[in-house]
Amino acid sequence: MLIVKIIIAVLLLLIVLSLGASMFSLIKDRTNSDATVKLLTVRIVLSIVTFVFIVFSFYMGWLQPHGIVPTAS
């Protein structure tokens, strides 16, 4: 299903954005480490949510695993 793939892509984008924001916070604001910790916590939560959503999608049949089918030569 396309909507499931879009949701996964958005979650992965949010993970990358959170990681970039935490790096920016770490470099620019050295006195406030709470912001960096909170942003990294958001990244961890998003990663767990993404993983659980992917497993749930496989369980519900919304995502189908597929591999590269070798061709006979």
N, C-alpha and C. Protein backbone atom coordinates (compact mmCIF):
# COMPACT_ATOMS: atom_id res chain seq x y z
N MET A 1 0.84 -1.18 0.00
CA MET A 1 0.00 0.00 0.00
C MET A 1 0.88 1.24 0.00
N LEU A 2 0.50 2.18 -0.78
CA LEU A 2 1.29 3.39 -0.94
C LEU A 2 1.29 4.24 0.32
N ILE A 3 0.17 4.32 1.01
CA ILE A 3 0.09 5.17 2.20
C ILE A 3 1.04 4.68 3.29
N VAL A 4 1.21 3.38 3.41
CA VAL A 4 2.13 2.82 4.40
C VAL A 4 3.56 3.22 4.07
N LYS A 5 3.91 3.16 2.81
CA LYS A 5 5.27 3.54 2.40
C LYS A 5 5.50 5.03 2.61
N ILE A 6 4.48 5.84 2.39
CA ILE A 6 4.60 7.28 2.63
C ILE A 6 4.79 7.55 4.12
N ILE A 7 4.03 6.85 4.96
CA ILE A 7 4.17 7.03 6.41
C ILE A 7 5.57 6.65 6.87
N ILE A 8 6.10 5.56 6.35
CA ILE A 8 7.45 5.13 6.72
C ILE A 8 8.48 6.15 6.24
N ALA A 9 8.32 6.67 5.04
CA ALA A 9 9.25 7.67 4.52
C ALA A 9 9.21 8.95 5.37
N VAL A 10 8.02 9.36 5.78
CA VAL A 10 7.90 10.56 6.62
C VAL A 10 8.55 10.32 7.98
N LEU A 11 8.33 9.14 8.56
CA LEU A 11 8.96 8.83 9.84
C LEU A 11 10.49 8.84 9.73
N LEU A 12 11.01 8.27 8.65
CA LEU A 12 12.46 8.27 8.46
C LEU A 12 13.00 9.68 8.26
N LEU A 13 12.25 10.51 7.55
CA LEU A 13 12.65 11.90 7.38
C LEU A 13 12.66 12.63 8.72
N LEU A 14 11.65 12.39 9.55
CA LEU A 14 11.62 13.01 10.88
C LEU A 14 12.78 12.55 11.74
N ILE A 15 13.18 11.29 11.61
CA ILE A 15 14.34 10.78 12.35
C ILE A 15 15.60 11.53 11.94
N VAL A 16 15.80 11.70 10.64
CA VAL A 16 16.98 12.41 10.15
C VAL A 16 16.96 13.87 10.58
N LEU A 17 15.79 14.51 10.51
CA LEU A 17 15.68 15.90 10.94
C LEU A 17 15.96 16.05 12.43
N SER A 18 15.48 15.12 13.23
CA SER A 18 15.74 15.17 14.66
C SER A 18 17.23 14.98 14.95
N LEU A 19 17.86 14.09 14.22
CA LEU A 19 19.30 13.88 14.39
C LEU A 19 20.08 15.13 14.00
N GLY A 20 19.69 15.77 12.90
CA GLY A 20 20.35 17.00 12.49
C GLY A 20 20.14 18.12 13.48
N ALA A 21 18.92 18.23 14.03
CA ALA A 21 18.64 19.28 15.01
C ALA A 21 19.44 19.06 16.29
N SER A 22 19.59 17.81 16.69
CA SER A 22 20.38 17.54 17.89
C SER A 22 21.86 17.84 17.66
N MET A 23 22.36 17.55 16.45
CA MET A 23 23.74 17.89 16.14
C MET A 23 23.94 19.40 16.15
N PHE A 24 22.99 20.12 15.55
CA PHE A 24 23.06 21.58 15.55
C PHE A 24 23.02 22.12 16.98
N SER A 25 22.16 21.55 17.81
CA SER A 25 22.06 21.98 19.20
C SER A 25 23.35 21.70 19.96
N LEU A 26 23.96 20.57 19.67
CA LEU A 26 25.20 20.21 20.35
C LEU A 26 26.35 21.14 19.96
N ILE A 27 26.40 21.50 18.68
CA ILE A 27 27.50 22.35 18.21
C ILE A 27 27.30 23.80 18.61
N LYS A 28 26.09 24.33 18.43
CA LYS A 28 25.85 25.76 18.64
C LYS A 28 25.66 26.14 20.10
N ASP A 29 24.92 25.33 20.85
CA ASP A 29 24.58 25.69 22.21
C ASP A 29 25.23 24.72 23.19
N ARG A 30 26.46 24.98 23.52
CA ARG A 30 27.21 24.07 24.38
C ARG A 30 26.78 24.14 25.84
N THR A 31 26.08 25.19 26.23
CA THR A 31 25.69 25.33 27.64
C THR A 31 24.41 24.58 27.96
N ASN A 32 23.54 24.36 26.97
CA ASN A 32 22.26 23.73 27.21
C ASN A 32 22.25 22.32 26.63
N SER A 33 22.71 21.37 27.43
CA SER A 33 22.75 19.99 26.94
C SER A 33 21.39 19.32 27.05
N ASP A 34 20.43 19.92 27.77
CA ASP A 34 19.09 19.34 27.88
C ASP A 34 18.40 19.30 26.52
N ALA A 35 18.60 20.31 25.70
CA ALA A 35 17.97 20.33 24.38
C ALA A 35 18.50 19.18 23.52
N THR A 36 19.79 18.94 23.58
CA THR A 36 20.38 17.85 22.80
C THR A 36 19.83 16.51 23.27
N VAL A 37 19.75 16.33 24.57
CA VAL A 37 19.23 15.07 25.11
C VAL A 37 17.77 14.87 24.72
N LYS A 38 16.98 15.91 24.77
CA LYS A 38 15.56 15.80 24.40
C LYS A 38 15.40 15.47 22.92
N LEU A 39 16.22 16.11 22.08
CA LEU A 39 16.13 15.83 20.64
C LEU A 39 16.58 14.41 20.31
N LEU A 40 17.60 13.93 21.01
CA LEU A 40 18.03 12.55 20.78
C LEU A 40 17.00 11.56 21.30
N THR A 41 16.30 11.92 22.38
CA THR A 41 15.22 11.08 22.89
C THR A 41 14.08 11.01 21.87
N VAL A 42 13.78 12.13 21.24
CA VAL A 42 12.76 12.15 20.19
C VAL A 42 13.17 11.23 19.04
N ARG A 43 14.44 11.26 18.69
CA ARG A 43 14.92 10.40 17.61
C ARG A 43 14.77 8.93 17.97
N ILE A 44 15.09 8.58 19.20
CA ILE A 44 14.97 7.19 19.63
C ILE A 44 13.52 6.74 19.62
N VAL A 45 12.63 7.59 20.10
CA VAL A 45 11.20 7.26 20.12
C VAL A 45 10.68 7.10 18.69
N LEU A 46 11.08 7.99 17.79
CA LEU A 46 10.66 7.88 16.39
C LEU A 46 11.19 6.59 15.76
N SER A 47 12.41 6.21 16.09
CA SER A 47 12.98 4.97 15.56
C SER A 47 12.20 3.76 16.04
N ILE A 48 11.84 3.75 17.31
CA ILE A 48 11.07 2.63 17.86
C ILE A 48 9.68 2.58 17.23
N VAL A 49 9.04 3.74 17.08
CA VAL A 49 7.72 3.80 16.45
C VAL A 49 7.79 3.31 15.01
N THR A 50 8.83 3.70 14.29
CA THR A 50 9.00 3.25 12.90
C THR A 50 9.16 1.73 12.83
N PHE A 51 9.99 1.19 13.70
CA PHE A 51 10.22 -0.25 13.72
C PHE A 51 8.93 -1.00 14.03
N VAL A 52 8.21 -0.56 15.05
CA VAL A 52 6.95 -1.21 15.43
C VAL A 52 5.93 -1.09 14.29
N PHE A 53 5.88 0.06 13.64
CA PHE A 53 4.94 0.24 12.52
C PHE A 53 5.28 -0.69 11.36
N ILE A 54 6.56 -0.86 11.06
CA ILE A 54 6.96 -1.77 9.98
C ILE A 54 6.59 -3.21 10.32
N VAL A 55 6.86 -3.63 11.55
CA VAL A 55 6.50 -5.00 11.96
C VAL A 55 4.98 -5.19 11.91
N PHE A 56 4.23 -4.20 12.39
CA PHE A 56 2.77 -4.27 12.36
C PHE A 56 2.26 -4.32 10.92
N SER A 57 2.89 -3.56 10.03
CA SER A 57 2.49 -3.55 8.62
C SER A 57 2.72 -4.91 7.97
N PHE A 58 3.84 -5.57 8.31
CA PHE A 58 4.07 -6.93 7.81
C PHE A 58 3.02 -7.89 8.36
N TYR A 59 2.70 -7.75 9.64
CA TYR A 59 1.71 -8.62 10.27
C TYR A 59 0.33 -8.46 9.64
N MET A 60 -0.04 -7.22 9.33
CA MET A 60 -1.36 -6.95 8.75
C MET A 60 -1.40 -7.24 7.25
N GLY A 61 -0.25 -7.46 6.63
CA GLY A 61 -0.20 -7.77 5.21
C GLY A 61 -0.15 -6.53 4.33
N TRP A 62 0.08 -5.36 4.93
CA TRP A 62 0.16 -4.12 4.16
C TRP A 62 1.48 -4.04 3.40
N LEU A 63 2.52 -4.63 3.94
CA LEU A 63 3.82 -4.68 3.27
C LEU A 63 4.13 -6.14 2.97
N GLN A 64 4.64 -6.37 1.80
CA GLN A 64 5.00 -7.72 1.39
C GLN A 64 6.50 -7.78 1.16
N PRO A 65 7.20 -8.67 1.86
CA PRO A 65 8.63 -8.79 1.60
C PRO A 65 8.87 -9.41 0.22
N HIS A 66 9.87 -8.92 -0.45
CA HIS A 66 10.21 -9.49 -1.74
C HIS A 66 11.72 -9.37 -1.91
N GLY A 67 12.24 -10.25 -2.67
CA GLY A 67 13.67 -10.26 -2.91
C GLY A 67 13.96 -10.17 -4.39
N ILE A 68 15.19 -10.14 -4.70
CA ILE A 68 15.60 -10.14 -6.10
C ILE A 68 15.53 -11.57 -6.60
N VAL A 69 14.76 -11.77 -7.63
CA VAL A 69 14.61 -13.10 -8.18
C VAL A 69 15.73 -13.32 -9.19
N PRO A 70 16.57 -14.34 -8.94
CA PRO A 70 17.66 -14.58 -9.88
C PRO A 70 17.14 -15.11 -11.22
N THR A 71 17.72 -14.66 -12.26
CA THR A 71 17.32 -15.14 -13.59
C THR A 71 18.24 -16.26 -14.02
N ALA A 72 17.68 -17.17 -14.76
CA ALA A 72 18.48 -18.29 -15.26
C ALA A 72 19.36 -17.79 -16.41
N SER A 73 20.61 -18.18 -16.36
CA SER A 73 21.51 -17.71 -17.44
C SER A 73 21.89 -18.82 -18.37
